[in-house]
Amino acid sequence: MENNSKKIMNVSAITVSSKVLSEIVGVSDRRVRQLGEEGVFIRAAKGRYKLAESIKNYILTLRLASDSDNIPMENDELDLEQEKAKKERVNRLIAELKLAKMKGEVHSSKDVENVMTDMLSSFKSRLMNVPSKVSPILTQRDTGFINDYMTREILNILNELKDYNPEDFYGGDYIDFDGDLEGDYEEDS
């Protein structure tokens, strides 16, 4: 009996034929090719697949399928009405999000990041200027005066943060709606 096994140090370099891959995962050779076209199995060369990446992708695909039941397996048929309903649901959610953004009810993370960066940069700048601004005024003053003056300066700076303008967060999609949208449009039939 001959032992053809050898120690493999790097599984990422292993490639296998579609036949071998079909035997490993338990699907037909044709299904292996289909999954290769879908990008689940990673081709290394014609008729050869990267074993480790392909197995990882296949397991991920199976997990997603079991979590959402959206991915048809080899013998499953698509329910066209169900798929249309899912697509309509997604389109409705997208439209609702776009409308909420247009109304200023939600903000893009980029808009929030830009406004907060500007606001905090200004805040930092104002705080960093306090010593040079107040030190000439506070020289040779008593502790009570210094405490009151510093407290007023800090409160003025903090009040700037509290008095932010919500419109600063509105992106380019914002439209000022003057009321409720009910009745302003007709649905397509």
N, C-alpha and C. Protein backbone atom coordinates (compact mmCIF):
# COMPACT_ATOMS: atom_id res chain seq x y z
N MET A 1 0.83 -1.17 0.00
CA MET A 1 0.00 0.00 0.00
C MET A 1 0.88 1.24 0.00
N GLU A 2 0.66 2.11 -0.93
CA GLU A 2 1.49 3.30 -1.13
C GLU A 2 0.85 4.50 -0.43
N ASN A 3 1.67 5.27 0.26
CA ASN A 3 1.20 6.44 0.96
C ASN A 3 1.60 7.68 0.16
N ASN A 4 0.62 8.34 -0.50
CA ASN A 4 0.88 9.51 -1.33
C ASN A 4 0.65 10.82 -0.57
N SER A 5 0.49 10.75 0.72
CA SER A 5 0.21 11.98 1.46
C SER A 5 1.51 12.72 1.74
N LYS A 6 1.41 14.02 1.66
CA LYS A 6 2.55 14.85 2.02
C LYS A 6 2.02 16.04 2.82
N LYS A 7 2.86 16.58 3.64
CA LYS A 7 2.48 17.68 4.51
C LYS A 7 2.32 18.95 3.67
N ILE A 8 1.17 19.60 3.81
CA ILE A 8 0.89 20.83 3.08
C ILE A 8 0.98 21.98 4.07
N MET A 9 1.76 22.96 3.75
CA MET A 9 1.99 24.09 4.64
C MET A 9 1.09 25.29 4.30
N ASN A 10 0.61 25.38 3.06
CA ASN A 10 -0.16 26.55 2.65
C ASN A 10 -1.35 26.09 1.81
N VAL A 11 -2.56 26.08 2.41
CA VAL A 11 -3.72 25.59 1.68
C VAL A 11 -4.21 26.58 0.63
N SER A 12 -3.80 27.83 0.74
CA SER A 12 -4.27 28.82 -0.24
C SER A 12 -3.72 28.54 -1.63
N ALA A 13 -2.69 27.74 -1.73
CA ALA A 13 -2.09 27.45 -3.04
C ALA A 13 -2.70 26.22 -3.69
N ILE A 14 -3.59 25.51 -3.01
CA ILE A 14 -4.15 24.28 -3.55
C ILE A 14 -5.26 24.60 -4.54
N THR A 15 -5.17 24.00 -5.72
CA THR A 15 -6.25 24.11 -6.70
C THR A 15 -6.74 22.71 -6.99
N VAL A 16 -8.04 22.61 -7.32
CA VAL A 16 -8.64 21.31 -7.62
C VAL A 16 -9.51 21.45 -8.85
N SER A 17 -9.79 20.29 -9.46
CA SER A 17 -10.66 20.29 -10.64
C SER A 17 -12.11 20.46 -10.19
N SER A 18 -12.98 20.76 -11.14
CA SER A 18 -14.40 20.91 -10.81
C SER A 18 -14.97 19.59 -10.30
N LYS A 19 -14.46 18.47 -10.81
CA LYS A 19 -14.93 17.16 -10.36
C LYS A 19 -14.59 16.93 -8.90
N VAL A 20 -13.36 17.23 -8.53
CA VAL A 20 -12.94 17.06 -7.14
C VAL A 20 -13.73 17.99 -6.23
N LEU A 21 -13.90 19.24 -6.65
CA LEU A 21 -14.65 20.20 -5.85
C LEU A 21 -16.11 19.76 -5.69
N SER A 22 -16.68 19.19 -6.76
CA SER A 22 -18.07 18.72 -6.67
C SER A 22 -18.18 17.58 -5.67
N GLU A 23 -17.18 16.70 -5.61
CA GLU A 23 -17.18 15.60 -4.64
C GLU A 23 -17.03 16.13 -3.21
N ILE A 24 -16.22 17.17 -3.03
CA ILE A 24 -15.99 17.71 -1.69
C ILE A 24 -17.26 18.35 -1.13
N VAL A 25 -17.92 19.19 -1.93
CA VAL A 25 -19.08 19.93 -1.41
C VAL A 25 -20.40 19.22 -1.66
N GLY A 26 -20.41 18.16 -2.46
CA GLY A 26 -21.62 17.37 -2.65
C GLY A 26 -22.62 17.97 -3.62
N VAL A 27 -22.13 18.61 -4.66
CA VAL A 27 -23.01 19.13 -5.71
C VAL A 27 -22.52 18.57 -7.04
N SER A 28 -23.32 18.78 -8.06
CA SER A 28 -22.94 18.26 -9.38
C SER A 28 -21.80 19.09 -9.97
N ASP A 29 -21.13 18.48 -10.93
CA ASP A 29 -20.05 19.17 -11.64
C ASP A 29 -20.60 20.41 -12.34
N ARG A 30 -21.81 20.31 -12.88
CA ARG A 30 -22.46 21.45 -13.54
C ARG A 30 -22.69 22.58 -12.54
N ARG A 31 -23.13 22.22 -11.32
CA ARG A 31 -23.40 23.24 -10.29
C ARG A 31 -22.09 23.92 -9.88
N VAL A 32 -21.00 23.18 -9.87
CA VAL A 32 -19.69 23.78 -9.56
C VAL A 32 -19.38 24.86 -10.59
N ARG A 33 -19.60 24.55 -11.86
CA ARG A 33 -19.34 25.54 -12.91
C ARG A 33 -20.25 26.76 -12.75
N GLN A 34 -21.54 26.51 -12.41
CA GLN A 34 -22.47 27.63 -12.20
C GLN A 34 -21.99 28.51 -11.04
N LEU A 35 -21.60 27.89 -9.95
CA LEU A 35 -21.11 28.65 -8.79
C LEU A 35 -19.81 29.37 -9.12
N GLY A 36 -19.03 28.79 -10.03
CA GLY A 36 -17.83 29.48 -10.51
C GLY A 36 -18.19 30.73 -11.29
N GLU A 37 -19.22 30.64 -12.13
CA GLU A 37 -19.67 31.80 -12.90
C GLU A 37 -20.26 32.87 -11.99
N GLU A 38 -20.89 32.45 -10.89
CA GLU A 38 -21.48 33.38 -9.94
C GLU A 38 -20.44 34.00 -9.01
N GLY A 39 -19.22 33.48 -9.05
CA GLY A 39 -18.15 34.02 -8.21
C GLY A 39 -18.05 33.39 -6.84
N VAL A 40 -18.86 32.36 -6.59
CA VAL A 40 -18.78 31.67 -5.30
C VAL A 40 -17.50 30.83 -5.27
N PHE A 41 -17.31 30.02 -6.29
CA PHE A 41 -16.07 29.26 -6.41
C PHE A 41 -15.09 30.11 -7.22
N ILE A 42 -13.86 30.16 -6.75
CA ILE A 42 -12.84 31.03 -7.34
C ILE A 42 -11.99 30.22 -8.33
N ARG A 43 -12.04 30.65 -9.59
CA ARG A 43 -11.26 29.96 -10.62
C ARG A 43 -9.79 30.34 -10.52
N ALA A 44 -8.95 29.31 -10.64
CA ALA A 44 -7.50 29.54 -10.69
C ALA A 44 -7.03 29.44 -12.13
N ALA A 45 -7.66 28.56 -12.89
CA ALA A 45 -7.37 28.35 -14.31
C ALA A 45 -8.58 27.64 -14.90
N LYS A 46 -8.57 27.42 -16.19
CA LYS A 46 -9.72 26.77 -16.81
C LYS A 46 -9.92 25.38 -16.20
N GLY A 47 -11.11 25.17 -15.62
CA GLY A 47 -11.44 23.88 -15.02
C GLY A 47 -10.82 23.64 -13.66
N ARG A 48 -10.11 24.62 -13.11
CA ARG A 48 -9.46 24.46 -11.80
C ARG A 48 -9.91 25.59 -10.88
N TYR A 49 -10.07 25.26 -9.61
CA TYR A 49 -10.58 26.22 -8.63
C TYR A 49 -9.67 26.26 -7.41
N LYS A 50 -9.57 27.45 -6.82
CA LYS A 50 -8.82 27.60 -5.57
C LYS A 50 -9.65 26.97 -4.46
N LEU A 51 -9.09 25.96 -3.83
CA LEU A 51 -9.85 25.15 -2.88
C LEU A 51 -10.27 25.96 -1.65
N ALA A 52 -9.34 26.57 -0.96
CA ALA A 52 -9.64 27.23 0.32
C ALA A 52 -10.63 28.37 0.14
N GLU A 53 -10.39 29.26 -0.82
CA GLU A 53 -11.29 30.40 -1.04
C GLU A 53 -12.67 29.93 -1.48
N SER A 54 -12.71 28.91 -2.33
CA SER A 54 -13.99 28.41 -2.82
C SER A 54 -14.81 27.81 -1.69
N ILE A 55 -14.17 27.03 -0.83
CA ILE A 55 -14.88 26.42 0.30
C ILE A 55 -15.39 27.50 1.25
N LYS A 56 -14.56 28.49 1.55
CA LYS A 56 -15.00 29.59 2.43
C LYS A 56 -16.20 30.32 1.84
N ASN A 57 -16.13 30.65 0.55
CA ASN A 57 -17.24 31.34 -0.10
C ASN A 57 -18.51 30.48 -0.12
N TYR A 58 -18.34 29.18 -0.35
CA TYR A 58 -19.50 28.29 -0.39
C TYR A 58 -20.16 28.21 0.97
N ILE A 59 -19.37 28.11 2.02
CA ILE A 59 -19.92 28.07 3.38
C ILE A 59 -20.64 29.38 3.69
N LEU A 60 -20.04 30.49 3.32
CA LEU A 60 -20.69 31.79 3.53
C LEU A 60 -22.02 31.86 2.77
N THR A 61 -22.03 31.36 1.54
CA THR A 61 -23.26 31.35 0.75
C THR A 61 -24.33 30.50 1.42
N LEU A 62 -23.94 29.34 1.94
CA LEU A 62 -24.90 28.48 2.63
C LEU A 62 -25.43 29.15 3.89
N ARG A 63 -24.55 29.84 4.62
CA ARG A 63 -24.99 30.55 5.83
C ARG A 63 -26.00 31.64 5.47
N LEU A 64 -25.68 32.41 4.44
CA LEU A 64 -26.60 33.47 4.01
C LEU A 64 -27.93 32.88 3.57
N ALA A 65 -27.87 31.75 2.88
CA ALA A 65 -29.10 31.11 2.41
C ALA A 65 -29.93 30.62 3.59
N SER A 66 -29.30 30.06 4.60
CA SER A 66 -30.06 29.57 5.74
C SER A 66 -30.57 30.72 6.59
N ASP A 67 -29.85 31.84 6.62
CA ASP A 67 -30.30 33.00 7.39
C ASP A 67 -31.48 33.69 6.73
N SER A 68 -31.47 33.79 5.42
CA SER A 68 -32.49 34.59 4.75
C SER A 68 -33.40 33.79 3.83
N ASP A 69 -33.04 32.58 3.54
CA ASP A 69 -33.81 31.75 2.60
C ASP A 69 -34.03 32.45 1.26
N ASN A 70 -33.11 33.34 0.87
CA ASN A 70 -33.25 34.08 -0.38
C ASN A 70 -32.51 33.43 -1.54
N ILE A 71 -31.50 32.62 -1.26
CA ILE A 71 -30.66 32.10 -2.32
C ILE A 71 -31.15 30.71 -2.73
N PRO A 72 -31.61 30.57 -3.95
CA PRO A 72 -32.12 29.26 -4.37
C PRO A 72 -30.98 28.26 -4.50
N MET A 73 -31.23 27.05 -4.05
CA MET A 73 -30.23 25.99 -4.19
C MET A 73 -30.44 25.31 -5.55
N GLU A 74 -29.71 24.26 -5.81
CA GLU A 74 -29.66 23.65 -7.13
C GLU A 74 -31.03 23.31 -7.71
N ASN A 75 -31.91 22.71 -6.94
CA ASN A 75 -33.18 22.25 -7.49
C ASN A 75 -34.35 23.16 -7.13
N ASP A 76 -34.10 24.26 -6.44
CA ASP A 76 -35.17 25.18 -6.07
C ASP A 76 -35.60 26.00 -7.27
N GLU A 77 -36.87 26.37 -7.28
CA GLU A 77 -37.37 27.25 -8.31
C GLU A 77 -37.72 28.59 -7.67
N LEU A 78 -37.51 29.65 -8.40
CA LEU A 78 -37.86 30.97 -7.90
C LEU A 78 -39.36 31.17 -7.98
N ASP A 79 -39.92 31.75 -6.93
CA ASP A 79 -41.32 32.16 -6.96
C ASP A 79 -41.32 33.60 -7.45
N LEU A 80 -41.72 33.80 -8.70
CA LEU A 80 -41.62 35.11 -9.33
C LEU A 80 -42.40 36.17 -8.55
N GLU A 81 -43.58 35.84 -8.09
CA GLU A 81 -44.39 36.80 -7.33
C GLU A 81 -43.70 37.18 -6.03
N GLN A 82 -43.12 36.19 -5.36
CA GLN A 82 -42.41 36.46 -4.10
C GLN A 82 -41.19 37.34 -4.35
N GLU A 83 -40.47 37.08 -5.42
CA GLU A 83 -39.29 37.88 -5.74
C GLU A 83 -39.69 39.31 -6.10
N LYS A 84 -40.80 39.47 -6.84
CA LYS A 84 -41.28 40.81 -7.18
C LYS A 84 -41.69 41.56 -5.92
N ALA A 85 -42.34 40.84 -4.99
CA ALA A 85 -42.76 41.48 -3.74
C ALA A 85 -41.55 41.92 -2.93
N LYS A 86 -40.51 41.10 -2.90
CA LYS A 86 -39.29 41.47 -2.18
C LYS A 86 -38.65 42.70 -2.81
N LYS A 87 -38.62 42.71 -4.13
CA LYS A 87 -38.02 43.85 -4.83
C LYS A 87 -38.82 45.12 -4.57
N GLU A 88 -40.13 45.02 -4.60
CA GLU A 88 -40.98 46.19 -4.33
C GLU A 88 -40.78 46.68 -2.90
N ARG A 89 -40.64 45.76 -1.95
CA ARG A 89 -40.40 46.11 -0.55
C ARG A 89 -39.09 46.87 -0.41
N VAL A 90 -38.05 46.39 -1.07
CA VAL A 90 -36.76 47.06 -1.03
C VAL A 90 -36.86 48.44 -1.69
N ASN A 91 -37.51 48.51 -2.84
CA ASN A 91 -37.68 49.81 -3.51
C ASN A 91 -38.45 50.80 -2.64
N ARG A 92 -39.48 50.32 -1.94
CA ARG A 92 -40.25 51.18 -1.05
C ARG A 92 -39.37 51.70 0.08
N LEU A 93 -38.57 50.81 0.68
CA LEU A 93 -37.68 51.23 1.77
C LEU A 93 -36.66 52.26 1.28
N ILE A 94 -36.13 52.04 0.10
CA ILE A 94 -35.18 53.00 -0.48
C ILE A 94 -35.85 54.35 -0.70
N ALA A 95 -37.06 54.32 -1.24
CA ALA A 95 -37.80 55.57 -1.48
C ALA A 95 -38.10 56.28 -0.16
N GLU A 96 -38.47 55.52 0.87
CA GLU A 96 -38.75 56.12 2.18
C GLU A 96 -37.50 56.76 2.76
N LEU A 97 -36.36 56.10 2.62
CA LEU A 97 -35.11 56.67 3.12
C LEU A 97 -34.74 57.94 2.36
N LYS A 98 -34.92 57.91 1.03
CA LYS A 98 -34.62 59.11 0.24
C LYS A 98 -35.52 60.26 0.65
N LEU A 99 -36.79 59.98 0.86
CA LEU A 99 -37.73 61.02 1.28
C LEU A 99 -37.35 61.56 2.66
N ALA A 100 -37.02 60.67 3.58
CA ALA A 100 -36.62 61.11 4.92
C ALA A 100 -35.37 61.98 4.84
N LYS A 101 -34.45 61.65 3.94
CA LYS A 101 -33.25 62.47 3.76
C LYS A 101 -33.62 63.82 3.17
N MET A 102 -34.52 63.81 2.19
CA MET A 102 -34.95 65.07 1.57
C MET A 102 -35.65 65.96 2.58
N LYS A 103 -36.37 65.36 3.52
CA LYS A 103 -37.09 66.13 4.53
C LYS A 103 -36.18 66.53 5.70
N GLY A 104 -34.95 66.06 5.70
CA GLY A 104 -34.02 66.40 6.77
C GLY A 104 -34.22 65.57 8.02
N GLU A 105 -34.91 64.43 7.89
CA GLU A 105 -35.16 63.57 9.04
C GLU A 105 -34.01 62.59 9.27
N VAL A 106 -33.27 62.28 8.24
CA VAL A 106 -32.06 61.46 8.36
C VAL A 106 -30.94 62.19 7.63
N HIS A 107 -29.74 61.90 8.02
CA HIS A 107 -28.58 62.59 7.43
C HIS A 107 -27.55 61.56 7.02
N SER A 108 -26.83 61.86 5.97
CA SER A 108 -25.77 60.95 5.55
C SER A 108 -24.62 61.07 6.55
N SER A 109 -23.92 59.99 6.73
CA SER A 109 -22.82 59.99 7.68
C SER A 109 -21.74 60.99 7.26
N LYS A 110 -21.57 61.18 5.97
CA LYS A 110 -20.57 62.13 5.47
C LYS A 110 -20.94 63.56 5.86
N ASP A 111 -22.23 63.92 5.73
CA ASP A 111 -22.68 65.26 6.13
C ASP A 111 -22.46 65.47 7.62
N VAL A 112 -22.83 64.47 8.43
CA VAL A 112 -22.66 64.57 9.88
C VAL A 112 -21.17 64.69 10.23
N GLU A 113 -20.35 63.89 9.57
CA GLU A 113 -18.91 63.95 9.83
C GLU A 113 -18.35 65.34 9.51
N ASN A 114 -18.74 65.90 8.37
CA ASN A 114 -18.25 67.22 7.98
C ASN A 114 -18.67 68.30 8.97
N VAL A 115 -19.95 68.30 9.35
CA VAL A 115 -20.45 69.32 10.28
C VAL A 115 -19.79 69.17 11.64
N MET A 116 -19.71 67.94 12.13
CA MET A 116 -19.11 67.71 13.45
C MET A 116 -17.62 68.06 13.44
N THR A 117 -16.93 67.76 12.37
CA THR A 117 -15.52 68.11 12.27
C THR A 117 -15.34 69.63 12.32
N ASP A 118 -16.15 70.35 11.55
CA ASP A 118 -16.09 71.81 11.58
C ASP A 118 -16.41 72.35 12.97
N MET A 119 -17.48 71.82 13.57
CA MET A 119 -17.92 72.30 14.87
C MET A 119 -16.85 72.05 15.94
N LEU A 120 -16.30 70.86 15.95
CA LEU A 120 -15.31 70.52 16.98
C LEU A 120 -13.97 71.22 16.72
N SER A 121 -13.64 71.45 15.47
CA SER A 121 -12.41 72.21 15.18
C SER A 121 -12.54 73.64 15.68
N SER A 122 -13.69 74.23 15.46
CA SER A 122 -13.95 75.58 15.94
C SER A 122 -13.91 75.62 17.47
N PHE A 123 -14.52 74.61 18.09
CA PHE A 123 -14.54 74.51 19.55
C PHE A 123 -13.12 74.41 20.10
N LYS A 124 -12.32 73.55 19.51
CA LYS A 124 -10.93 73.39 19.95
C LYS A 124 -10.17 74.70 19.79
N SER A 125 -10.34 75.35 18.66
CA SER A 125 -9.65 76.60 18.40
C SER A 125 -10.02 77.66 19.44
N ARG A 126 -11.30 77.75 19.74
CA ARG A 126 -11.76 78.72 20.74
C ARG A 126 -11.17 78.41 22.12
N LEU A 127 -11.15 77.13 22.48
CA LEU A 127 -10.59 76.76 23.79
C LEU A 127 -9.09 77.06 23.86
N MET A 128 -8.42 76.77 22.76
CA MET A 128 -6.96 76.98 22.75
C MET A 128 -6.62 78.48 22.81
N ASN A 129 -7.54 79.35 22.39
CA ASN A 129 -7.29 80.79 22.43
C ASN A 129 -7.60 81.42 23.79
N VAL A 130 -8.26 80.69 24.67
CA VAL A 130 -8.64 81.25 25.96
C VAL A 130 -7.42 81.76 26.75
N PRO A 131 -6.37 81.00 26.91
CA PRO A 131 -5.24 81.51 27.73
C PRO A 131 -4.67 82.83 27.21
N SER A 132 -4.43 82.92 25.90
CA SER A 132 -3.84 84.16 25.39
C SER A 132 -4.83 85.33 25.47
N LYS A 133 -6.11 85.04 25.40
CA LYS A 133 -7.12 86.10 25.46
C LYS A 133 -7.30 86.62 26.88
N VAL A 134 -7.32 85.73 27.85
CA VAL A 134 -7.67 86.15 29.21
C VAL A 134 -6.47 86.46 30.09
N SER A 135 -5.30 85.97 29.74
CA SER A 135 -4.15 86.19 30.64
C SER A 135 -3.84 87.68 30.86
N PRO A 136 -3.90 88.55 29.83
CA PRO A 136 -3.63 89.97 30.11
C PRO A 136 -4.69 90.59 31.04
N ILE A 137 -5.91 90.13 30.93
CA ILE A 137 -7.01 90.67 31.74
C ILE A 137 -6.90 90.18 33.18
N LEU A 138 -6.39 88.97 33.37
CA LEU A 138 -6.40 88.35 34.69
C LEU A 138 -5.13 88.58 35.51
N THR A 139 -4.14 89.22 34.92
CA THR A 139 -2.92 89.46 35.69
C THR A 139 -3.24 90.33 36.90
N GLN A 140 -2.74 89.92 38.01
CA GLN A 140 -2.87 90.62 39.29
C GLN A 140 -4.33 90.80 39.72
N ARG A 141 -5.16 89.84 39.41
CA ARG A 141 -6.56 89.84 39.88
C ARG A 141 -6.70 88.81 40.97
N ASP A 142 -7.75 88.95 41.76
CA ASP A 142 -7.94 87.96 42.83
C ASP A 142 -8.58 86.69 42.28
N THR A 143 -8.51 85.65 43.05
CA THR A 143 -8.97 84.32 42.64
C THR A 143 -10.45 84.31 42.28
N GLY A 144 -11.29 85.00 43.00
CA GLY A 144 -12.73 85.04 42.71
C GLY A 144 -13.00 85.63 41.34
N PHE A 145 -12.33 86.74 41.02
CA PHE A 145 -12.50 87.37 39.71
C PHE A 145 -12.05 86.42 38.60
N ILE A 146 -10.91 85.80 38.81
CA ILE A 146 -10.35 84.87 37.80
C ILE A 146 -11.33 83.72 37.56
N ASN A 147 -11.85 83.13 38.64
CA ASN A 147 -12.80 82.02 38.50
C ASN A 147 -14.06 82.46 37.75
N ASP A 148 -14.63 83.60 38.11
CA ASP A 148 -15.84 84.09 37.44
C ASP A 148 -15.57 84.37 35.97
N TYR A 149 -14.47 85.01 35.68
CA TYR A 149 -14.15 85.38 34.31
C TYR A 149 -13.93 84.13 33.45
N MET A 150 -13.17 83.18 33.98
CA MET A 150 -12.89 81.93 33.24
C MET A 150 -14.18 81.15 33.02
N THR A 151 -15.04 81.12 34.03
CA THR A 151 -16.32 80.42 33.90
C THR A 151 -17.16 81.03 32.80
N ARG A 152 -17.24 82.36 32.74
CA ARG A 152 -18.00 83.04 31.68
C ARG A 152 -17.43 82.72 30.30
N GLU A 153 -16.12 82.76 30.17
CA GLU A 153 -15.48 82.47 28.88
C GLU A 153 -15.79 81.05 28.42
N ILE A 154 -15.67 80.10 29.33
CA ILE A 154 -15.91 78.69 28.98
C ILE A 154 -17.39 78.49 28.64
N LEU A 155 -18.30 79.09 29.40
CA LEU A 155 -19.73 78.97 29.10
C LEU A 155 -20.07 79.57 27.73
N ASN A 156 -19.44 80.69 27.39
CA ASN A 156 -19.67 81.27 26.05
C ASN A 156 -19.27 80.30 24.95
N ILE A 157 -18.14 79.66 25.14
CA ILE A 157 -17.65 78.69 24.14
C ILE A 157 -18.58 77.48 24.07
N LEU A 158 -19.01 76.98 25.25
CA LEU A 158 -19.91 75.82 25.27
C LEU A 158 -21.27 76.16 24.67
N ASN A 159 -21.74 77.39 24.85
CA ASN A 159 -23.02 77.79 24.28
C ASN A 159 -23.01 77.74 22.77
N GLU A 160 -21.86 77.95 22.17
CA GLU A 160 -21.76 77.83 20.72
C GLU A 160 -22.09 76.41 20.27
N LEU A 161 -21.66 75.42 21.05
CA LEU A 161 -21.96 74.03 20.69
C LEU A 161 -23.45 73.76 20.81
N LYS A 162 -24.08 74.29 21.82
CA LYS A 162 -25.50 74.02 22.04
C LYS A 162 -26.36 74.71 20.99
N ASP A 163 -25.90 75.81 20.46
CA ASP A 163 -26.68 76.58 19.50
C ASP A 163 -26.35 76.21 18.06
N TYR A 164 -26.20 74.90 17.81
CA TYR A 164 -25.90 74.48 16.44
C TYR A 164 -27.12 74.68 15.55
N ASN A 165 -26.91 74.76 14.27
CA ASN A 165 -27.98 74.93 13.30
C ASN A 165 -28.28 73.58 12.65
N PRO A 166 -29.46 72.99 12.87
CA PRO A 166 -29.77 71.68 12.28
C PRO A 166 -29.64 71.68 10.76
N GLU A 167 -29.84 72.83 10.14
CA GLU A 167 -29.75 72.90 8.68
C GLU A 167 -28.33 72.62 8.19
N ASP A 168 -27.34 72.77 9.07
CA ASP A 168 -25.97 72.46 8.69
C ASP A 168 -25.83 70.99 8.29
N PHE A 169 -26.71 70.14 8.84
CA PHE A 169 -26.62 68.70 8.57
C PHE A 169 -27.33 68.30 7.28
N TYR A 170 -28.11 69.19 6.70
CA TYR A 170 -28.84 68.85 5.49
C TYR A 170 -27.86 68.71 4.33
N GLY A 171 -28.02 67.64 3.58
CA GLY A 171 -27.17 67.42 2.42
C GLY A 171 -27.77 68.07 1.19
N GLY A 172 -27.22 67.75 0.04
CA GLY A 172 -27.68 68.33 -1.21
C GLY A 172 -29.06 67.84 -1.62
N ASP A 173 -29.55 66.75 -1.00
CA ASP A 173 -30.86 66.21 -1.36
C ASP A 173 -32.01 66.88 -0.61
N TYR A 174 -31.69 67.74 0.35
CA TYR A 174 -32.72 68.33 1.21
C TYR A 174 -33.65 69.24 0.41
N ILE A 175 -34.94 69.08 0.67
CA ILE A 175 -35.97 69.95 0.10
C ILE A 175 -36.83 70.42 1.25
N ASP A 176 -37.11 71.70 1.33
CA ASP A 176 -37.92 72.24 2.42
C ASP A 176 -39.39 72.00 2.11
N PHE A 177 -39.99 71.01 2.81
CA PHE A 177 -41.40 70.70 2.63
C PHE A 177 -42.20 71.62 3.53
N ASP A 178 -43.25 72.18 3.00
CA ASP A 178 -44.05 73.12 3.78
C ASP A 178 -45.24 72.45 4.45
N GLY A 179 -45.18 71.19 4.65
CA GLY A 179 -46.28 70.51 5.33
C GLY A 179 -46.29 69.04 4.98
N ASP A 180 -47.46 68.46 5.14
CA ASP A 180 -47.63 67.03 4.91
C ASP A 180 -47.68 66.74 3.42
N LEU A 181 -47.20 65.57 3.05
CA LEU A 181 -47.17 65.20 1.64
C LEU A 181 -48.44 64.47 1.21
N GLU A 182 -49.30 64.13 2.16
CA GLU A 182 -50.50 63.37 1.83
C GLU A 182 -51.32 64.14 0.80
N GLY A 183 -51.74 63.46 -0.24
CA GLY A 183 -52.59 64.05 -1.25
C GLY A 183 -51.85 64.89 -2.27
N ASP A 184 -50.52 65.06 -2.13
CA ASP A 184 -49.77 65.88 -3.06
C ASP A 184 -49.36 65.12 -4.31
N TYR A 185 -49.63 63.84 -4.34
CA TYR A 185 -49.24 63.04 -5.50
C TYR A 185 -50.28 61.95 -5.71
N GLU A 186 -50.25 61.39 -6.89
CA GLU A 186 -51.12 60.26 -7.17
C GLU A 186 -50.25 59.04 -7.40
N GLU A 187 -50.67 57.93 -6.81
CA GLU A 187 -49.91 56.70 -6.99
C GLU A 187 -50.15 56.14 -8.38
N ASP A 188 -49.11 55.50 -8.93
CA ASP A 188 -49.25 54.82 -10.22
C ASP A 188 -50.08 53.58 -10.03
N SER A 189 -51.01 53.34 -10.91
CA SER A 189 -51.85 52.15 -10.77
C SER A 189 -51.39 51.07 -11.70
